[in-house]
Structures are given as C-alpha cells and as structure tokens.
C-alpha atoms as a PDB file:
ATOM      1  CA  MET A   1      37.718 -91.779-116.068  1.00  0.00           C
ATOM      2  CA  THR A   2      38.446 -93.237-112.446  1.00  0.00           C
ATOM      3  CA  ARG A   3      36.940 -96.587-110.911  1.00  0.00           C
ATOM      4  CA  GLU A   4      35.521 -93.929-108.359  1.00  0.00           C
ATOM      5  CA  SER A   5      34.085 -91.542-111.433  1.00  0.00           C
ATOM      6  CA  LEU A   6      32.440 -94.555-113.195  1.00  0.00           C
ATOM      7  CA  ALA A   7      30.749 -95.806-109.550  1.00  0.00           C
ATOM      8  CA  THR A   8      29.037 -92.413-109.892  1.00  0.00           C
ATOM      9  CA  VAL A   9      27.069 -92.990-112.498  1.00  0.00           C
ATOM     10  CA  GLN A  10      23.384 -93.957-111.421  1.00  0.00           C
ATOM     11  CA  VAL A  11      21.531 -94.361-114.666  1.00  0.00           C
ATOM     12  CA  PRO A  12      21.051 -97.582-116.734  1.00  0.00           C
ATOM     13  CA  VAL A  13      23.897 -97.799-119.382  1.00  0.00           C
ATOM     14  CA  GLY A  14      23.719-100.430-121.973  1.00  0.00           C
ATOM     15  CA  ILE A  15      26.749-101.432-123.764  1.00  0.00           C
ATOM     16  CA  ARG A  16      27.659-103.169-126.688  1.00  0.00           C
ATOM     17  CA  TRP A  17      31.122-104.355-128.180  1.00  0.00           C
ATOM     18  CA  GLY A  18      32.546-106.034-131.075  1.00  0.00           C
ATOM     19  CA  GLY A  19      34.454-108.985-130.474  1.00  0.00           C
ATOM     20  CA  ALA A  20      36.837-108.047-133.610  1.00  0.00           C
ATOM     21  CA  ASP A  21      37.376-104.392-132.680  1.00  0.00           C
ATOM     22  CA  THR A  22      40.940-103.392-132.606  1.00  0.00           C
ATOM     23  CA  VAL A  23      39.935 -99.810-132.249  1.00  0.00           C
ATOM     24  CA  ASN A  24      38.429-100.324-128.664  1.00  0.00           C
ATOM     25  CA  PRO A  25      39.532-103.417-127.570  1.00  0.00           C
ATOM     26  CA  TYR A  26      37.199-104.845-124.937  1.00  0.00           C
ATOM     27  CA  GLU A  27      39.805-105.497-122.176  1.00  0.00           C
ATOM     28  CA  VAL A  28      41.113-101.821-122.466  1.00  0.00           C
ATOM     29  CA  ASP A  29      37.704 -99.870-123.544  1.00  0.00           C
ATOM     30  CA  THR A  30      34.854-101.371-122.424  1.00  0.00           C
ATOM     31  CA  ARG A  31      35.248-103.760-119.660  1.00  0.00           C
ATOM     32  CA  PRO A  32      36.108-100.998-117.332  1.00  0.00           C
ATOM     33  CA  TYR A  33      32.742 -99.616-117.732  1.00  0.00           C
ATOM     34  CA  LEU A  34      30.764-103.058-117.172  1.00  0.00           C
ATOM     35  CA  ASP A  35      33.066-103.342-114.192  1.00  0.00           C
ATOM     36  CA  HIS A  36      32.438-100.168-112.497  1.00  0.00           C
ATOM     37  CA  ILE A  37      29.188 -98.812-113.395  1.00  0.00           C
ATOM     38  CA  PRO A  38      26.867 -99.810-111.011  1.00  0.00           C
ATOM     39  CA  ARG A  39      23.927-100.147-113.260  1.00  0.00           C
ATOM     40  CA  ALA A  40      25.839-101.166-116.638  1.00  0.00           C
ATOM     41  CA  SER A  41      24.813-104.151-118.761  1.00  0.00           C
ATOM     42  CA  GLY A  42      26.016-105.332-121.911  1.00  0.00           C
ATOM     43  CA  CYS A  43      26.766-108.153-124.790  1.00  0.00           C
ATOM     44  CA  SER A  44      28.956-108.801-127.413  1.00  0.00           C
ATOM     45  CA  ALA A  45      27.445-107.902-130.892  1.00  0.00           C
ATOM     46  CA  GLY A  46      29.410-110.734-132.085  1.00  0.00           C
ATOM     47  CA  PRO A  47      32.700-112.349-132.087  1.00  0.00           C
ATOM     48  CA  ASP A  48      33.826-111.156-135.750  1.00  0.00           C
ATOM     49  CA  VAL A  49      32.197-107.719-135.259  1.00  0.00           C
ATOM     50  CA  ARG A  50      34.527-104.873-136.024  1.00  0.00           C
ATOM     51  CA  HIS A  51      34.622-101.051-134.970  1.00  0.00           C
ATOM     52  CA  GLU A  52      34.135-100.234-138.511  1.00  0.00           C
ATOM     53  CA  ASP A  53      31.162-102.486-139.154  1.00  0.00           C
ATOM     54  CA  PHE A  54      29.122 -99.653-137.764  1.00  0.00           C
ATOM     55  CA  PHE A  55      30.020 -96.812-140.113  1.00  0.00           C
ATOM     56  CA  MET A  56      31.609 -98.322-143.220  1.00  0.00           C
ATOM     57  CA  PRO A  57      29.342 -98.446-146.231  1.00  0.00           C
ATOM     58  CA  GLU A  58      29.696-102.322-146.473  1.00  0.00           C
ATOM     59  CA  PRO A  59      29.911-103.778-143.168  1.00  0.00           C
ATOM     60  CA  ALA A  60      31.055-107.638-142.870  1.00  0.00           C
ATOM     61  CA  ASP A  61      27.501-108.656-141.617  1.00  0.00           C
ATOM     62  CA  SER A  62      24.658-105.408-142.121  1.00  0.00           C
ATOM     63  CA  ALA A  63      22.595-107.715-139.829  1.00  0.00           C
ATOM     64  CA  VAL A  64      24.352-106.837-136.856  1.00  0.00           C
ATOM     65  CA  ARG A  65      23.538-103.145-137.647  1.00  0.00           C
ATOM     66  CA  VAL A  66      19.922-103.870-137.747  1.00  0.00           C
ATOM     67  CA  GLN A  67      20.037-105.817-134.274  1.00  0.00           C
ATOM     68  CA  MET A  68      22.063-103.019-132.425  1.00  0.00           C
ATOM     69  CA  GLY A  69      19.346-100.659-133.580  1.00  0.00           C
ATOM     70  CA  ARG A  70      16.833-103.022-132.296  1.00  0.00           C
ATOM     71  CA  GLU A  71      18.553-103.470-129.007  1.00  0.00           C
ATOM     72  CA  ALA A  72      19.000 -99.759-128.582  1.00  0.00           C
ATOM     73  CA  ALA A  73      15.646 -99.342-129.304  1.00  0.00           C
ATOM     74  CA  ALA A  74      14.401-101.668-127.012  1.00  0.00           C
ATOM     75  CA  PHE A  75      16.918-100.444-124.108  1.00  0.00           C
ATOM     76  CA  PHE A  76      15.571 -96.755-124.509  1.00  0.00           C
ATOM     77  CA  GLU A  77      11.740 -98.062-124.498  1.00  0.00           C
ATOM     78  CA  GLN A  78      12.329 -99.812-121.277  1.00  0.00           C
ATOM     79  CA  HIS A  79      14.119 -96.919-119.436  1.00  0.00           C
ATOM     80  CA  LEU A  80      12.663 -94.008-120.931  1.00  0.00           C
ATOM     81  CA  PHE A  81       9.235 -94.790-121.022  1.00  0.00           C
ATOM     82  CA  SER A  82       8.661 -96.794-117.822  1.00  0.00           C
END
C-alpha cells in the first residue's frame, strides 16, 4: 500500500476504528486510508472499543456491534442502491 495506490481507489470507502484498538492502531493502520483514499470517510466506534470487541464472545460493549452493523447497512444502502 502506498499513497499513490490509495489515491487510485475511486469507490466510496467507509472506515470505522476503535479508540482502544492496539492490534490496528489508528495512526498506523487507519489514518493512511482516510488521508489518501479520495472518497473515504469514517469515524471512531468509540474511545474504549478494542479490536477484540468485534470477534470475542463477550465484547466490552455489545451495543457497539449493533451500531456498527447499522452503520454498515446504511453505508451499503446509500452506495449500492442509489
């Protein structure tokens, strides 16, 4: 992945991240996508959300999974069906 390759992405990209994610830290693994993909947008899932909260049986906040699912569905509805 390079700045140049990310700049060629011409489709909408929705990005979410957890503020407490130590597996894929925002500055290293998320921000480059937001900064260099022209049609990328995103927001934090919350300051206490960890990477593990999306696949562990008992997330710290189970409501975050529901919210992220809603946001994903809205993103696809907006971009696939319009």
